[in-house]
Amino acid sequence: MTCNLLLVDDHSLIRAGVRALVMDIPGYAVIGEADDGAHLLEMVEQLRPDIILLDLSMKRIGGLDALRRLKALHPQSKVLILSMHTDPALIMQALESGAHGYLLKDTTATELEHALEALRNNERYLSPAIAHTVITQALTRAQKHTPQPVDNHNLTARQLEILRLIVRGKSTREIALGLGLSIKTVETHRSQIMKRLQIFDVAGLVLFAVREQIISLDD
């Protein structure tokens, strides 16, 4: 079954480039394009895309404002940010505003496929290129608040290992290959981790992992 995508970017060349990458990925199709955040809600209503690829820097209504409006009206929408910005505060804002993934515009076709596959499987994706940036931002925020130590994370050694890989931006497939596990097993662990911690987004997992010293900037 084809996964339908909506591209939202105010640069026609960028849209053309992303469209060309998507055409080479089996099982995905671009069914619509918008050059402004103002058109996003209208096109979502008309086309009902499975995944929205959204730029952050656009005229009139920017990506963050468009994302917040979208999530308010369509909270189940899956949004993959495709941006050139590596500012840690902006990345965290996007994740906290409801984005399911964040990818840099100089991404490869392989990484784009991994990100789309993650969102298609109801997972989240953080580009490895910015994982350290997000961890740094999370650490900065954590240092502003008094830590609340947790004596028992209620996670197994394997789940802690998988949690570390998730917050570093590894996809389910990469984790499975690296640990010699099946994708289904990793997905099960991921679901159990989120359920036990009651944290259901990447930004929250990163904050938790840094605060509880499960991962550090030296990892």
Protein backbone atom coordinates (compact mmCIF):
# COMPACT_ATOMS: atom_id res chain seq x y z
CA MET A 1 0.00 0.00 0.00
CA THR A 2 1.40 3.38 -1.01
CA CYS A 3 2.21 5.94 1.68
CA ASN A 4 1.12 9.39 0.50
CA LEU A 5 3.24 12.46 1.24
CA LEU A 6 2.58 16.20 1.26
CA LEU A 7 5.57 18.50 0.70
CA VAL A 8 5.48 21.96 2.29
CA ASP A 9 8.42 24.21 1.37
CA ASP A 10 8.60 27.66 -0.17
CA HIS A 11 11.51 26.76 -2.46
CA SER A 12 10.45 25.00 -5.66
CA LEU A 13 13.92 23.55 -6.19
CA ILE A 14 13.90 21.96 -2.75
CA ARG A 15 10.49 20.44 -3.40
CA ALA A 16 11.69 19.12 -6.75
CA GLY A 17 14.74 17.57 -5.12
CA VAL A 18 12.73 15.89 -2.35
CA ARG A 19 10.17 14.69 -4.87
CA ALA A 20 12.96 13.12 -6.94
CA LEU A 21 14.31 11.33 -3.86
CA VAL A 22 10.85 10.04 -2.95
CA MET A 23 10.29 8.72 -6.47
CA ASP A 24 13.21 6.35 -5.95
CA ILE A 25 11.79 4.96 -2.70
CA PRO A 26 9.32 2.10 -3.26
CA GLY A 27 5.98 2.46 -1.54
CA TYR A 28 5.89 6.26 -1.30
CA ALA A 29 4.32 8.96 -3.46
CA VAL A 30 4.06 12.74 -3.34
CA ILE A 31 0.38 13.62 -3.77
CA GLY A 32 0.61 17.36 -3.14
CA GLU A 33 2.85 20.37 -2.62
CA ALA A 34 2.46 23.69 -0.84
CA ASP A 35 4.76 26.70 -0.80
CA ASP A 36 3.45 28.26 2.40
CA GLY A 37 2.27 27.21 5.83
CA ALA A 38 -0.99 29.04 5.17
CA HIS A 39 -1.98 26.39 2.64
CA LEU A 40 -1.09 23.44 4.86
CA LEU A 41 -4.40 22.99 6.68
CA GLU A 42 -6.42 23.35 3.48
CA MET A 43 -4.34 20.74 1.67
CA VAL A 44 -4.43 18.34 4.61
CA GLU A 45 -8.23 18.54 4.59
CA GLN A 46 -8.35 17.92 0.84
CA LEU A 47 -5.66 15.28 0.41
CA ARG A 48 -5.44 13.50 3.79
CA PRO A 49 -1.72 12.69 3.43
CA ASP A 50 -0.14 9.96 5.53
CA ILE A 51 3.00 12.00 6.22
CA ILE A 52 3.71 15.73 5.89
CA LEU A 53 7.24 16.91 5.09
CA LEU A 54 7.43 20.42 6.50
CA ASP A 55 10.03 23.17 6.21
CA LEU A 56 10.44 25.56 9.16
CA SER A 57 11.46 28.77 7.37
CA MET A 58 8.66 29.98 5.13
CA LYS A 59 6.98 33.28 4.31
CA ARG A 60 3.67 34.35 5.86
CA ILE A 61 3.01 31.43 8.22
CA GLY A 62 6.24 29.71 9.25
CA GLY A 63 6.70 26.01 9.82
CA LEU A 64 6.39 26.10 13.62
CA ASP A 65 3.17 28.09 13.56
CA ALA A 66 1.79 25.85 10.82
CA LEU A 67 2.79 22.77 12.81
CA ARG A 68 1.03 23.99 15.95
CA ARG A 69 -2.14 24.83 14.05
CA LEU A 70 -2.07 21.47 12.32
CA LYS A 71 -1.62 19.50 15.55
CA ALA A 72 -4.44 21.45 17.20
CA LEU A 73 -6.87 20.45 14.45
CA HIS A 74 -5.36 17.12 13.39
CA PRO A 75 -3.40 15.76 16.36
CA GLN A 76 -2.82 12.40 14.67
CA SER A 77 -1.02 13.94 11.69
CA LYS A 78 2.51 12.66 11.19
CA VAL A 79 4.98 15.45 10.49
CA LEU A 80 8.60 15.10 9.42
CA ILE A 81 10.52 18.37 9.63
CA LEU A 82 12.91 18.83 6.73
CA SER A 83 15.07 21.85 7.51
CA MET A 84 18.53 23.32 7.15
CA HIS A 85 18.41 24.67 10.71
CA THR A 86 20.54 23.00 13.39
CA ASP A 87 19.74 25.45 16.18
CA PRO A 88 19.10 23.24 19.24
CA ALA A 89 16.33 25.44 20.67
CA LEU A 90 14.47 25.42 17.35
CA ILE A 91 14.80 21.65 17.02
CA MET A 92 13.41 21.13 20.52
CA GLN A 93 10.54 23.53 19.77
CA ALA A 94 9.64 21.52 16.69
CA LEU A 95 9.70 18.21 18.57
CA GLU A 96 7.72 19.62 21.48
CA SER A 97 5.19 21.14 19.07
CA GLY A 98 4.34 17.71 17.74
CA ALA A 99 6.81 16.84 14.99
CA HIS A 100 7.45 13.11 14.73
CA GLY A 101 10.89 13.53 13.21
CA TYR A 102 13.58 16.02 12.24
CA LEU A 103 15.78 15.67 9.18
CA LEU A 104 18.34 18.03 7.68
CA LYS A 105 17.90 19.14 4.06
CA ASP A 106 21.27 17.70 3.03
CA THR A 107 20.03 14.24 3.94
CA THR A 108 20.73 11.21 1.80
CA ALA A 109 18.07 9.14 0.08
CA THR A 110 18.81 6.29 2.51
CA GLU A 111 18.27 8.44 5.57
CA LEU A 112 15.07 9.89 4.12
CA GLU A 113 13.80 6.36 3.56
CA HIS A 114 14.66 5.41 7.17
CA ALA A 115 12.84 8.47 8.48
CA LEU A 116 9.74 7.84 6.36
CA GLU A 117 9.72 4.19 7.35
CA ALA A 118 9.89 5.13 11.02
CA LEU A 119 6.93 7.50 10.79
CA ARG A 120 5.01 5.03 8.67
CA ASN A 121 5.45 2.49 11.48
CA ASN A 122 4.19 4.97 14.08
CA GLU A 123 7.70 5.64 15.33
CA ARG A 124 9.77 8.79 15.56
CA TYR A 125 13.00 9.72 13.85
CA LEU A 126 15.81 12.05 14.77
CA SER A 127 18.65 12.55 12.31
CA PRO A 128 21.92 11.21 13.77
CA ALA A 129 23.56 14.44 12.58
CA ILE A 130 21.58 16.46 15.14
CA ALA A 131 21.20 13.89 17.93
CA HIS A 132 24.15 15.38 19.82
CA THR A 133 22.66 18.86 19.38
CA VAL A 134 19.36 17.75 20.90
CA ILE A 135 21.12 16.04 23.80
CA THR A 136 23.12 19.21 24.45
CA GLN A 137 19.95 21.28 24.54
CA ALA A 138 18.26 18.76 26.81
CA LEU A 139 21.25 18.79 29.17
CA THR A 140 21.18 22.59 29.31
CA ARG A 141 17.52 22.53 30.24
CA ALA A 142 18.02 19.79 32.81
CA GLN A 143 20.75 21.78 34.55
CA LYS A 144 18.30 24.63 35.13
CA HIS A 145 16.09 22.42 37.26
CA THR A 146 16.73 20.39 40.36
CA PRO A 147 17.13 16.76 39.30
CA GLN A 148 14.64 14.30 40.65
CA PRO A 149 16.59 11.05 40.90
CA VAL A 150 14.83 7.86 40.03
CA ASP A 151 16.17 4.88 41.96
CA ASN A 152 14.54 2.36 39.67
CA HIS A 153 13.83 3.17 36.04
CA ASN A 154 11.79 -0.02 35.85
CA LEU A 155 13.71 -0.90 32.69
CA THR A 156 15.74 -4.00 31.95
CA ALA A 157 19.39 -3.80 30.93
CA ARG A 158 18.37 -4.47 27.32
CA GLN A 159 15.73 -1.74 27.41
CA LEU A 160 18.24 0.77 28.81
CA GLU A 161 20.59 -0.18 25.97
CA ILE A 162 17.83 0.37 23.41
CA LEU A 163 16.81 3.65 25.07
CA ARG A 164 20.37 4.97 24.67
CA LEU A 165 20.27 4.10 20.97
CA ILE A 166 16.84 5.69 20.47
CA VAL A 167 17.88 9.04 21.95
CA ARG A 168 21.00 9.00 19.76
CA GLY A 169 18.70 8.98 16.75
CA LYS A 170 19.06 5.36 15.68
CA SER A 171 16.18 3.88 13.69
CA THR A 172 14.48 0.63 14.65
CA ARG A 173 16.22 -1.16 11.79
CA GLU A 174 19.65 0.16 12.81
CA ILE A 175 19.07 -0.88 16.43
CA ALA A 176 17.94 -4.35 15.36
CA LEU A 177 20.98 -4.86 13.12
CA GLY A 178 23.39 -3.50 15.71
CA LEU A 179 22.09 -5.68 18.54
CA GLY A 180 21.33 -8.76 16.49
CA LEU A 181 17.61 -8.59 17.24
CA SER A 182 14.54 -8.74 15.05
CA ILE A 183 12.77 -5.50 14.18
CA LYS A 184 9.66 -6.80 15.93
CA THR A 185 11.62 -7.42 19.15
CA VAL A 186 13.04 -3.89 19.08
CA GLU A 187 9.58 -2.45 18.44
CA THR A 188 8.24 -4.38 21.44
CA HIS A 189 11.03 -3.08 23.68
CA ARG A 190 10.46 0.47 22.42
CA SER A 191 6.77 0.27 23.21
CA GLN A 192 7.46 -1.12 26.69
CA ILE A 193 10.04 1.60 27.39
CA MET A 194 7.59 4.37 26.54
CA LYS A 195 4.78 2.73 28.47
CA ARG A 196 6.87 2.17 31.60
CA LEU A 197 8.29 5.70 31.55
CA GLN A 198 5.00 7.26 30.39
CA ILE A 199 6.98 9.25 27.83
CA PHE A 200 5.80 9.02 24.24
CA ASP A 201 8.05 11.35 22.24
CA VAL A 202 11.73 11.57 21.39
CA ALA A 203 12.26 14.96 23.05
CA GLY A 204 10.85 13.62 26.31
CA LEU A 205 13.01 10.50 26.14
CA VAL A 206 16.11 12.62 25.54
CA LEU A 207 15.32 14.87 28.51
CA PHE A 208 14.72 11.84 30.72
CA ALA A 209 17.89 10.07 29.59
CA VAL A 210 20.07 13.13 30.20
CA ARG A 211 18.46 14.03 33.52
CA GLU A 212 18.85 10.50 34.87
CA GLN A 213 22.40 10.25 33.49
CA ILE A 214 21.46 7.31 31.28
CA ILE A 215 23.29 9.11 28.51
CA SER A 216 25.78 11.96 28.59
CA LEU A 217 27.41 14.30 26.09
CA ASP A 218 30.44 12.03 26.04
CA ASP A 219 28.47 8.99 24.88
